[in-house]
Amino acid sequence: MIQGKNFIGGRWKETPKTYQRENPARLEEVVGLYPLSGEAEATEALVAAREAFPSWKRTPLLERAHILKEAAKRLATRGDKVARDIAREAGKPLLEARTEVRRAMDILEYYAAYAYTPFGYRVASARPRTELRTQRVPLGVVALITPWNFPIAIPTWKLAPALILGNTVVLKPASLAPVGALHLVQALEEAGLPEGVVNLVIGPGTPFGRALEKAEDLRAVSFTGSVEVGLRLKARLASLATRVQLELGGKNAYVVWKDADLVLAARQIAQGAFFYAGQKCTATSRILVHREIYEAFKETLLQEVGQLKVGDPLEEDTQVGPLIDSTAWEGTARWVERGLRDGGRLLIGGEGAREKGYFFDPTILEGLDLKALLAQEEVFGPVATVHPVTSLEQALEAVNATRYGLSASIATRDLGIAKRFLEEAEVGLAHVNQPTAGVEYQAPFGGSEGSGYGPKEQGWAALEFYGDWKTLVITPPEVRDGH
């Protein structure tokens, strides 16, 4: 069993109260014992980060990069154990868990490489004999609040750019799956990260939020999670001089045009909608199919979905694991019931077994109006709806007709159709002949409208959130008569 602790000021610390985390695929198995941290622990971590900032800010950039690269090596030495811990605690199929650990290593190395790129500019000045320069500088103390569905990748893609720029960090992972963050911080400690630069606080979000409201010199907060929680956090921090970045939900559409490769489209939808039981903000949840091919495509899609392996995440061939907990299972069941009440018809799935684990079959409904609640709101489970469309205008209208704006895709061989889709889909990530789920860390990631707020994550865009610009204006004194 994993014995988790907080990491504050360079020390691993227990708390008087703890909680257990069960395996969502084997409910009788307790996989972790973790601190039930409160406001005091969060405040202690914020103070430690504030005290560590001046020294870390002065640490040479290449030395910071070396620590990130060394942490990636440390993760590599135990990558399979980390993946198995994630599979047991978060219910993520082992193949996806291994990919996620590899992504975390790659992200650490990617941001380490920024130490070898220009961190400023020299520009022309209109003033005589004046040198005008600008350089990127850190903000100070930043707080990172991360979700359970990518328990090591998301903490890494927030933490790595913050650290390379010279910020100090307090990381609060989701209490449902803190093991990824635990492994990440252990790797950084082993890599030689100085005391107080990264602090880990495990526990519920409410006391952590209270500590953030009272924190001195808190410069930025990055949050990934639900729309409702993110907006509440933003409102609570509104009176502070604190940057806020929110990565929220999605109601992502996949358009199947009449000239699409039906097998490829069906496979991408099956993977995008149902891998990891649909527990991704970029998961496909609305399938928009040109009416001319609707029946043929529906048959192909059901064949692909019917072949998905639902089972224990630790089995190598599992593609669809359990939902994260009983709340998620019950919520998914209620969404399916609501869809049926609103006129939907089950094409596949609609059932779940929770005697041994929180499993729910991949589920597709048809016959719903695009304005129905199930076609508008995020489920965060293995449920999708399929709808016929007659034109690209109708498809784009449906893509854009929700409060979200995260990801959308179209399957087509027509470059004109593809170009128009890329231009008019009001989302942060627009794809052609690709699943809606899946991102590459070297490009900016984030949504528009209700799916996000503030600068984007990942790629070079992350540096804009975690850093600031200082402009330096230098006019040397005149030298006269040799003096």
Protein backbone atom coordinates (compact mmCIF):
# COMPACT_ATOMS: atom_id res chain seq x y z
CA MET A 1 0.00 0.00 0.00
CA ILE A 2 1.20 3.50 -0.86
CA GLN A 3 2.02 5.52 2.27
CA GLY A 4 1.66 9.11 1.09
CA LYS A 5 2.96 12.18 2.92
CA ASN A 6 3.04 15.90 2.34
CA PHE A 7 6.32 17.43 1.19
CA ILE A 8 6.82 20.85 2.76
CA GLY A 9 10.05 22.81 3.03
CA GLY A 10 12.08 19.82 1.89
CA ARG A 11 10.63 17.45 4.50
CA TRP A 12 8.14 14.59 4.17
CA LYS A 13 5.44 15.18 6.77
CA GLU A 14 2.48 13.25 8.13
CA THR A 15 -0.80 14.75 9.34
CA PRO A 16 -2.91 13.76 12.36
CA LYS A 17 -5.79 12.80 10.07
CA THR A 18 -5.54 10.52 7.05
CA TYR A 19 -7.80 8.99 4.44
CA GLN A 20 -7.75 5.80 2.37
CA ARG A 21 -7.94 5.49 -1.38
CA GLU A 22 -9.50 2.35 -2.84
CA ASN A 23 -8.85 0.70 -6.19
CA PRO A 24 -11.87 1.64 -8.37
CA ALA A 25 -11.56 -1.69 -10.19
CA ARG A 26 -11.30 -3.78 -7.01
CA LEU A 27 -13.27 -2.09 -4.28
CA GLU A 28 -11.98 -4.37 -1.54
CA GLU A 29 -8.38 -3.26 -2.18
CA VAL A 30 -7.02 -0.18 -0.40
CA VAL A 31 -4.17 1.20 -2.51
CA GLY A 32 -3.10 4.27 -0.57
CA LEU A 33 -3.13 6.04 2.79
CA TYR A 34 -2.80 9.82 2.46
CA PRO A 35 -2.71 13.00 4.57
CA LEU A 36 -6.02 14.73 5.14
CA SER A 37 -4.45 18.17 5.01
CA GLY A 38 -6.18 21.32 6.15
CA GLU A 39 -5.60 25.04 5.95
CA ALA A 40 -2.61 24.89 8.30
CA GLU A 41 -0.65 22.52 6.07
CA ALA A 42 -1.43 24.58 2.97
CA THR A 43 -0.33 27.79 4.72
CA GLU A 44 2.90 26.15 5.87
CA ALA A 45 3.62 25.09 2.29
CA LEU A 46 2.94 28.59 0.93
CA VAL A 47 5.31 30.10 3.51
CA ALA A 48 8.01 27.56 2.61
CA ALA A 49 7.65 28.44 -1.07
CA ARG A 50 7.86 32.16 -0.32
CA GLU A 51 11.03 31.70 1.73
CA ALA A 52 12.66 29.56 -0.97
CA PHE A 53 11.93 31.96 -3.84
CA PRO A 54 14.84 34.43 -3.55
CA SER A 55 17.46 31.70 -3.67
CA TRP A 56 15.75 29.70 -6.43
CA LYS A 57 15.33 32.85 -8.52
CA ARG A 58 19.11 33.36 -8.37
CA THR A 59 19.86 29.74 -9.27
CA PRO A 60 21.51 29.65 -12.71
CA LEU A 61 19.12 28.70 -15.47
CA LEU A 62 21.24 25.77 -16.63
CA GLU A 63 21.28 24.39 -13.10
CA ARG A 64 17.48 24.48 -12.99
CA ALA A 65 17.44 22.68 -16.34
CA HIS A 66 19.81 20.01 -15.04
CA ILE A 67 17.43 19.26 -12.15
CA LEU A 68 14.48 18.83 -14.53
CA LYS A 69 16.49 16.49 -16.76
CA GLU A 70 17.69 14.49 -13.79
CA ALA A 71 14.12 14.16 -12.49
CA ALA A 72 13.09 12.74 -15.87
CA LYS A 73 15.84 10.12 -15.53
CA ARG A 74 14.67 9.24 -12.04
CA LEU A 75 11.12 8.69 -13.32
CA ALA A 76 12.48 6.51 -16.12
CA THR A 77 14.14 4.14 -13.65
CA ARG A 78 10.78 3.30 -12.09
CA GLY A 79 8.42 4.11 -14.92
CA ASP A 80 6.57 0.79 -14.83
CA LYS A 81 5.95 1.02 -11.08
CA VAL A 82 4.60 4.55 -11.48
CA ALA A 83 2.30 3.39 -14.28
CA ARG A 84 1.02 0.46 -12.21
CA ASP A 85 0.38 2.70 -9.21
CA ILE A 86 -1.62 5.06 -11.45
CA ALA A 87 -3.57 2.13 -12.93
CA ARG A 88 -4.48 0.84 -9.47
CA GLU A 89 -5.40 4.19 -7.96
CA ALA A 90 -6.94 6.09 -10.88
CA GLY A 91 -8.31 3.12 -12.87
CA LYS A 92 -6.37 4.15 -15.96
CA PRO A 93 -5.61 1.22 -18.31
CA LEU A 94 -1.96 0.23 -18.04
CA LEU A 95 -1.11 1.08 -21.65
CA GLU A 96 -2.40 4.63 -21.20
CA ALA A 97 -0.73 4.93 -17.79
CA ARG A 98 2.65 4.01 -19.30
CA THR A 99 2.13 6.58 -22.05
CA GLU A 100 1.32 9.21 -19.45
CA VAL A 101 4.47 8.53 -17.45
CA ARG A 102 6.50 8.78 -20.66
CA ARG A 103 4.79 12.09 -21.39
CA ALA A 104 5.77 13.42 -17.96
CA MET A 105 9.42 12.56 -18.65
CA ASP A 106 9.26 14.21 -22.07
CA ILE A 107 7.71 17.37 -20.62
CA LEU A 108 10.47 17.72 -18.04
CA GLU A 109 13.09 17.41 -20.78
CA TYR A 110 11.18 19.77 -23.07
CA TYR A 111 11.13 22.63 -20.57
CA ALA A 112 14.71 21.92 -19.53
CA ALA A 113 15.63 22.65 -23.15
CA TYR A 114 14.32 26.20 -22.75
CA ALA A 115 17.47 26.94 -20.78
CA TYR A 116 19.32 26.83 -24.11
CA THR A 117 17.05 29.29 -25.91
CA PRO A 118 16.94 33.12 -25.74
CA PHE A 119 15.14 34.39 -22.66
CA GLY A 120 15.04 38.00 -23.80
CA TYR A 121 15.51 40.49 -26.62
CA ARG A 122 17.58 43.52 -27.47
CA VAL A 123 15.61 46.09 -29.45
CA ALA A 124 16.39 49.43 -31.02
CA SER A 125 15.93 52.53 -28.88
CA ALA A 126 14.83 55.94 -30.16
CA ARG A 127 17.08 57.56 -27.57
CA PRO A 128 20.74 58.27 -28.39
CA ARG A 129 23.40 56.02 -26.84
CA THR A 130 20.70 53.92 -25.16
CA GLU A 131 20.54 50.17 -24.89
CA LEU A 132 17.02 48.75 -24.66
CA ARG A 133 16.70 45.15 -23.52
CA THR A 134 13.96 42.95 -22.15
CA GLN A 135 14.26 39.68 -20.25
CA ARG A 136 11.88 37.09 -18.92
CA VAL A 137 11.64 36.91 -15.12
CA PRO A 138 9.76 34.64 -12.69
CA LEU A 139 6.63 35.67 -10.83
CA GLY A 140 7.28 34.18 -7.39
CA VAL A 141 5.06 31.72 -5.53
CA VAL A 142 2.55 29.83 -7.70
CA ALA A 143 -0.11 27.32 -6.64
CA LEU A 144 -1.06 24.40 -8.88
CA ILE A 145 -4.34 22.51 -8.45
CA THR A 146 -4.51 19.38 -10.58
CA PRO A 147 -7.18 16.73 -11.39
CA TRP A 148 -7.18 12.96 -10.94
CA ASN A 149 -7.57 11.88 -14.57
CA PHE A 150 -3.99 12.68 -15.62
CA PRO A 151 -2.33 12.30 -12.22
CA ILE A 152 1.28 12.80 -13.34
CA ALA A 153 1.09 14.47 -16.77
CA ILE A 154 -0.94 17.52 -15.69
CA PRO A 155 1.12 18.22 -12.55
CA THR A 156 4.22 17.99 -14.73
CA TRP A 157 3.04 20.28 -17.50
CA LYS A 158 2.15 22.92 -14.92
CA LEU A 159 5.17 22.46 -12.70
CA ALA A 160 7.97 22.19 -15.27
CA PRO A 161 7.51 25.62 -16.94
CA ALA A 162 7.00 27.22 -13.52
CA LEU A 163 10.29 25.80 -12.25
CA ILE A 164 12.45 26.51 -15.30
CA LEU A 165 11.47 30.18 -15.05
CA GLY A 166 12.50 30.35 -11.39
CA ASN A 167 9.15 30.22 -9.57
CA THR A 168 8.52 28.25 -6.40
CA VAL A 169 5.50 25.98 -6.25
CA VAL A 170 2.79 24.57 -4.00
CA LEU A 171 1.14 21.60 -5.70
CA LYS A 172 -2.24 20.24 -4.60
CA PRO A 173 -3.24 17.13 -6.54
CA ALA A 174 -6.76 15.73 -6.54
CA SER A 175 -7.35 13.64 -3.44
CA LEU A 176 -8.78 10.80 -5.58
CA ALA A 177 -5.41 10.15 -7.24
CA PRO A 178 -2.39 11.87 -5.67
CA VAL A 179 0.07 9.08 -6.46
CA GLY A 180 1.32 10.60 -9.72
CA ALA A 181 2.18 13.90 -8.04
CA LEU A 182 3.84 11.96 -5.22
CA HIS A 183 6.15 10.16 -7.66
CA LEU A 184 6.89 13.41 -9.49
CA VAL A 185 7.93 15.25 -6.33
CA GLN A 186 10.03 12.29 -5.18
CA ALA A 187 11.88 12.37 -8.51
CA LEU A 188 12.53 16.11 -8.17
CA GLU A 189 13.78 15.68 -4.62
CA GLU A 190 16.18 12.94 -5.73
CA ALA A 191 17.33 15.19 -8.58
CA GLY A 192 18.58 17.76 -6.08
CA LEU A 193 15.78 20.31 -5.98
CA PRO A 194 16.46 22.74 -3.10
CA GLU A 195 14.23 22.78 -0.02
CA GLY A 196 10.97 24.65 -0.33
CA VAL A 197 11.07 25.08 -4.12
CA VAL A 198 8.32 22.48 -4.62
CA ASN A 199 5.83 21.68 -1.88
CA LEU A 200 3.15 18.98 -2.03
CA VAL A 201 -0.09 19.22 -0.06
CA ILE A 202 -2.57 16.32 -0.25
CA GLY A 203 -6.17 16.69 0.82
CA PRO A 204 -9.50 18.38 0.06
CA GLY A 205 -9.79 21.56 -1.96
CA THR A 206 -11.84 23.80 0.35
CA PRO A 207 -9.22 24.39 3.08
CA PHE A 208 -6.55 24.77 0.42
CA GLY A 209 -8.63 27.49 -1.22
CA ARG A 210 -9.00 29.30 2.11
CA ALA A 211 -5.22 29.30 2.51
CA LEU A 212 -4.77 30.76 -0.97
CA GLU A 213 -7.11 33.65 -0.15
CA LYS A 214 -4.95 34.57 2.86
CA ALA A 215 -1.54 33.90 1.31
CA GLU A 216 1.08 36.63 1.18
CA ASP A 217 2.78 37.21 -2.16
CA LEU A 218 0.86 34.51 -4.04
CA ARG A 219 1.45 35.49 -7.65
CA ALA A 220 -0.40 32.86 -9.72
CA VAL A 221 -2.85 29.97 -9.46
CA SER A 222 -3.30 27.35 -12.19
CA PHE A 223 -6.34 25.08 -11.91
CA THR A 224 -7.58 22.16 -13.99
CA GLY A 225 -10.99 20.71 -13.17
CA SER A 226 -14.70 21.31 -13.49
CA VAL A 227 -16.24 24.55 -14.71
CA GLU A 228 -18.17 25.10 -11.49
CA VAL A 229 -15.20 24.64 -9.14
CA GLY A 230 -12.89 26.67 -11.36
CA LEU A 231 -15.22 29.64 -11.53
CA ARG A 232 -15.75 29.56 -7.76
CA LEU A 233 -11.99 29.61 -7.26
CA LYS A 234 -11.62 32.53 -9.67
CA ALA A 235 -14.29 34.48 -7.78
CA ARG A 236 -12.59 33.80 -4.42
CA LEU A 237 -9.27 35.13 -5.72
CA ALA A 238 -10.76 38.12 -7.55
CA SER A 239 -9.68 40.66 -4.93
CA LEU A 240 -6.03 39.52 -4.99
CA ALA A 241 -3.27 40.63 -7.35
CA THR A 242 -2.96 37.01 -8.47
CA ARG A 243 -2.92 35.60 -11.97
CA VAL A 244 -5.49 32.85 -12.53
CA GLN A 245 -5.41 30.18 -15.22
CA LEU A 246 -8.37 27.79 -15.60
CA GLU A 247 -8.55 24.66 -17.73
CA LEU A 248 -12.11 23.40 -17.50
CA GLY A 249 -14.52 21.03 -19.24
CA GLY A 250 -15.55 20.19 -22.78
CA LYS A 251 -18.46 18.91 -24.84
CA ASN A 252 -16.44 17.83 -27.83
CA ALA A 253 -17.88 17.02 -31.25
CA TYR A 254 -16.58 14.74 -33.98
CA VAL A 255 -18.06 15.42 -37.44
CA VAL A 256 -18.18 12.53 -39.93
CA TRP A 257 -18.46 14.04 -43.41
CA LYS A 258 -20.00 12.09 -46.28
CA ASP A 259 -16.60 11.38 -47.92
CA ALA A 260 -14.91 10.18 -44.71
CA ASP A 261 -13.04 6.93 -44.24
CA LEU A 262 -15.78 5.35 -42.14
CA VAL A 263 -13.62 2.71 -40.47
CA LEU A 264 -10.95 5.24 -39.49
CA ALA A 265 -13.55 7.69 -38.19
CA ALA A 266 -15.34 5.00 -36.19
CA ARG A 267 -12.07 3.83 -34.64
CA GLN A 268 -11.06 7.37 -33.69
CA ILE A 269 -14.46 8.04 -32.15
CA ALA A 270 -14.43 4.77 -30.21
CA GLN A 271 -11.00 5.58 -28.81
CA GLY A 272 -11.70 9.26 -28.20
CA ALA A 273 -15.04 8.68 -26.51
CA PHE A 274 -14.42 5.54 -24.49
CA PHE A 275 -10.73 4.97 -23.72
CA TYR A 276 -10.25 5.51 -19.97
CA ALA A 277 -14.05 5.36 -19.67
CA GLY A 278 -14.42 8.77 -21.30
CA GLN A 279 -12.80 10.53 -18.32
CA LYS A 280 -10.97 13.17 -20.34
CA CYS A 281 -11.90 16.79 -20.90
CA THR A 282 -11.17 16.27 -24.62
CA ALA A 283 -13.22 13.06 -24.94
CA THR A 284 -15.66 12.81 -27.85
CA SER A 285 -19.20 13.16 -26.57
CA ARG A 286 -21.20 14.31 -29.62
CA ILE A 287 -20.99 12.48 -32.97
CA LEU A 288 -22.34 14.47 -35.93
CA VAL A 289 -22.78 12.33 -39.04
CA HIS A 290 -23.77 13.43 -42.54
CA ARG A 291 -27.25 12.08 -43.18
CA GLU A 292 -26.23 10.40 -46.47
CA ILE A 293 -23.95 7.97 -44.61
CA TYR A 294 -25.66 7.95 -41.23
CA GLU A 295 -26.96 4.37 -41.22
CA ALA A 296 -23.82 2.88 -42.76
CA PHE A 297 -21.58 4.72 -40.35
CA LYS A 298 -23.71 3.83 -37.35
CA GLU A 299 -23.22 0.14 -38.11
CA THR A 300 -19.45 0.59 -38.47
CA LEU A 301 -19.25 2.58 -35.23
CA LEU A 302 -21.17 -0.02 -33.24
CA GLN A 303 -18.81 -2.72 -34.51
CA GLU A 304 -15.78 -0.75 -33.34
CA VAL A 305 -17.27 0.08 -29.95
CA GLY A 306 -18.42 -3.49 -29.43
CA GLN A 307 -14.82 -4.68 -29.76
CA LEU A 308 -13.50 -2.50 -26.93
CA LYS A 309 -12.17 -4.44 -23.95
CA VAL A 310 -13.73 -3.38 -20.65
CA GLY A 311 -11.89 -4.72 -17.63
CA ASP A 312 -9.20 -4.48 -14.99
CA PRO A 313 -6.77 -1.65 -15.80
CA LEU A 314 -3.81 -3.88 -14.89
CA GLU A 315 -4.60 -6.27 -17.73
CA GLU A 316 -2.50 -5.41 -20.77
CA ASP A 317 -5.36 -5.49 -23.28
CA THR A 318 -7.88 -3.42 -21.27
CA GLN A 319 -9.00 -0.25 -23.06
CA VAL A 320 -11.93 0.82 -20.87
CA GLY A 321 -11.35 0.73 -17.14
CA PRO A 322 -13.63 1.75 -14.29
CA LEU A 323 -14.98 5.16 -13.42
CA ILE A 324 -13.03 6.89 -10.68
CA ASP A 325 -15.52 6.46 -7.82
CA SER A 326 -19.16 5.85 -6.87
CA THR A 327 -20.11 9.48 -7.45
CA ALA A 328 -18.89 9.28 -11.05
CA TRP A 329 -20.68 5.96 -11.60
CA GLU A 330 -23.97 7.24 -10.23
CA GLY A 331 -23.66 10.47 -12.20
CA THR A 332 -23.08 8.56 -15.44
CA ALA A 333 -26.10 6.34 -14.79
CA ARG A 334 -28.26 9.41 -14.14
CA TRP A 335 -27.12 11.03 -17.39
CA VAL A 336 -28.12 7.93 -19.37
CA GLU A 337 -31.52 7.88 -17.64
CA ARG A 338 -31.98 11.57 -18.44
CA GLY A 339 -31.12 10.97 -22.09
CA LEU A 340 -33.70 8.19 -22.31
CA ARG A 341 -36.35 10.37 -20.66
CA ASP A 342 -35.65 13.12 -23.18
CA GLY A 343 -36.33 10.80 -26.12
CA GLY A 344 -32.98 9.10 -26.69
CA ARG A 345 -32.66 5.49 -27.80
CA LEU A 346 -29.86 3.21 -26.72
CA LEU A 347 -27.70 1.87 -29.53
CA ILE A 348 -25.20 0.15 -27.28
CA GLY A 349 -24.34 -0.02 -23.59
CA GLY A 350 -26.34 1.78 -20.94
CA GLU A 351 -25.43 -0.68 -18.21
CA GLY A 352 -22.84 -0.85 -15.50
CA ALA A 353 -21.72 -3.28 -12.84
CA ARG A 354 -20.47 -1.95 -9.51
CA GLU A 355 -20.32 -5.06 -7.35
CA LYS A 356 -16.54 -5.37 -7.74
CA GLY A 357 -15.62 -2.07 -9.38
CA TYR A 358 -17.09 1.08 -10.90
CA PHE A 359 -17.45 -0.27 -14.44
CA PHE A 360 -19.86 1.19 -16.98
CA ASP A 361 -20.23 -0.08 -20.53
CA PRO A 362 -19.46 2.26 -23.47
CA THR A 363 -22.81 3.83 -24.26
CA ILE A 364 -24.23 5.57 -27.35
CA LEU A 365 -27.67 7.13 -27.67
CA GLU A 366 -29.42 8.44 -30.78
CA GLY A 367 -32.62 10.32 -31.38
CA LEU A 368 -31.88 13.21 -29.05
CA ASP A 369 -32.35 16.82 -30.03
CA LEU A 370 -29.03 18.66 -30.11
CA LYS A 371 -30.47 21.02 -27.49
CA ALA A 372 -31.21 18.19 -25.06
CA LEU A 373 -29.27 18.40 -21.81
CA LEU A 374 -27.26 15.24 -22.50
CA ALA A 375 -26.12 16.76 -25.80
CA GLN A 376 -25.12 20.00 -24.09
CA GLU A 377 -23.44 19.14 -20.79
CA GLU A 378 -20.26 17.26 -19.96
CA VAL A 379 -20.77 13.74 -18.59
CA PHE A 380 -17.14 12.74 -17.91
CA GLY A 381 -18.02 9.12 -18.46
CA PRO A 382 -18.32 6.61 -21.33
CA VAL A 383 -21.41 8.17 -22.91
CA ALA A 384 -21.82 9.76 -26.36
CA THR A 385 -24.75 10.85 -28.51
CA VAL A 386 -25.01 10.52 -32.30
CA HIS A 387 -26.90 12.97 -34.51
CA PRO A 388 -27.51 13.24 -38.29
CA VAL A 389 -26.64 16.54 -40.00
CA THR A 390 -27.37 17.63 -43.55
CA SER A 391 -24.82 20.37 -44.14
CA LEU A 392 -21.54 21.76 -42.90
CA GLU A 393 -23.40 24.83 -41.66
CA GLN A 394 -25.59 22.64 -39.46
CA ALA A 395 -22.58 20.68 -38.23
CA LEU A 396 -20.64 23.84 -37.33
CA GLU A 397 -23.66 25.32 -35.63
CA ALA A 398 -23.89 22.20 -33.46
CA VAL A 399 -20.16 22.19 -32.75
CA ASN A 400 -20.39 25.77 -31.50
CA ALA A 401 -23.77 25.58 -29.76
CA THR A 402 -22.64 24.70 -26.22
CA ARG A 403 -21.10 26.70 -23.40
CA TYR A 404 -17.82 24.85 -23.99
CA GLY A 405 -15.11 25.35 -26.59
CA LEU A 406 -12.34 22.84 -26.07
CA SER A 407 -11.88 20.30 -28.88
CA ALA A 408 -13.58 19.27 -32.13
CA SER A 409 -12.66 17.10 -35.10
CA ILE A 410 -13.87 16.36 -38.61
CA ALA A 411 -13.26 13.29 -40.78
CA THR A 412 -13.12 14.25 -44.45
CA ARG A 413 -11.07 13.94 -47.64
CA ASP A 414 -12.16 17.39 -48.85
CA LEU A 415 -9.53 20.06 -48.17
CA GLY A 416 -12.06 22.84 -48.61
CA ILE A 417 -14.38 21.33 -46.03
CA ALA A 418 -11.45 20.76 -43.69
CA LYS A 419 -10.21 24.35 -44.06
CA ARG A 420 -13.60 25.83 -43.34
CA PHE A 421 -14.03 23.59 -40.30
CA LEU A 422 -10.66 24.65 -38.90
CA GLU A 423 -11.54 28.30 -39.38
CA GLU A 424 -15.10 28.24 -38.01
CA ALA A 425 -15.03 25.69 -35.19
CA GLU A 426 -14.99 27.83 -32.03
CA VAL A 427 -12.64 25.64 -30.02
CA GLY A 428 -9.13 25.74 -28.66
CA LEU A 429 -8.14 22.54 -30.50
CA ALA A 430 -9.48 21.81 -33.99
CA HIS A 431 -8.56 18.52 -35.67
CA VAL A 432 -8.88 16.96 -39.11
CA ASN A 433 -8.90 13.15 -39.34
CA GLN A 434 -7.75 12.91 -35.72
CA PRO A 435 -9.53 12.03 -32.44
CA THR A 436 -10.77 14.89 -30.30
CA ALA A 437 -8.83 13.42 -27.37
CA GLY A 438 -5.09 13.69 -27.23
CA VAL A 439 -2.70 16.64 -27.09
CA GLU A 440 0.95 17.24 -27.86
CA TYR A 441 2.93 19.00 -25.16
CA GLN A 442 4.97 21.13 -27.58
CA ALA A 443 1.92 23.14 -28.71
CA PRO A 444 -0.41 25.40 -26.69
CA PHE A 445 -3.33 23.61 -25.07
CA GLY A 446 -6.58 25.04 -23.77
CA GLY A 447 -10.15 25.92 -24.60
CA SER A 448 -12.24 28.96 -25.32
CA GLU A 449 -15.53 30.18 -23.85
CA GLY A 450 -16.52 28.04 -20.85
CA SER A 451 -13.63 25.63 -21.34
CA GLY A 452 -10.87 27.91 -20.19
CA TYR A 453 -9.72 31.23 -18.82
CA GLY A 454 -6.36 32.93 -19.05
CA PRO A 455 -3.23 32.03 -21.03
CA LYS A 456 -2.88 28.58 -22.56
CA GLU A 457 -0.91 25.71 -21.10
CA GLN A 458 1.95 23.70 -22.61
CA GLY A 459 4.41 24.60 -25.34
CA TRP A 460 5.89 28.07 -25.34
CA ALA A 461 2.55 29.52 -24.23
CA ALA A 462 3.05 28.19 -20.69
CA LEU A 463 6.01 30.53 -20.21
CA GLU A 464 3.70 33.52 -20.70
CA PHE A 465 1.61 32.52 -17.69
CA TYR A 466 4.47 31.62 -15.34
CA GLY A 467 6.77 34.47 -16.32
CA ASP A 468 6.83 38.21 -16.73
CA TRP A 469 8.86 40.65 -18.79
CA LYS A 470 11.27 43.18 -17.34
CA THR A 471 12.45 45.97 -19.65
CA LEU A 472 15.97 47.32 -19.06
CA VAL A 473 16.86 50.81 -20.31
CA ILE A 474 20.55 51.71 -20.05
CA THR A 475 22.27 54.93 -21.04
CA PRO A 476 25.92 54.97 -19.94
CA PRO A 477 27.39 58.23 -18.62
CA GLU A 478 29.21 60.35 -21.17
CA VAL A 479 32.98 60.22 -21.12
CA ARG A 480 34.57 63.66 -21.49
CA ASP A 481 38.24 64.54 -21.87
CA GLY A 482 39.35 61.08 -20.91
CA HIS A 483 37.37 61.07 -17.65
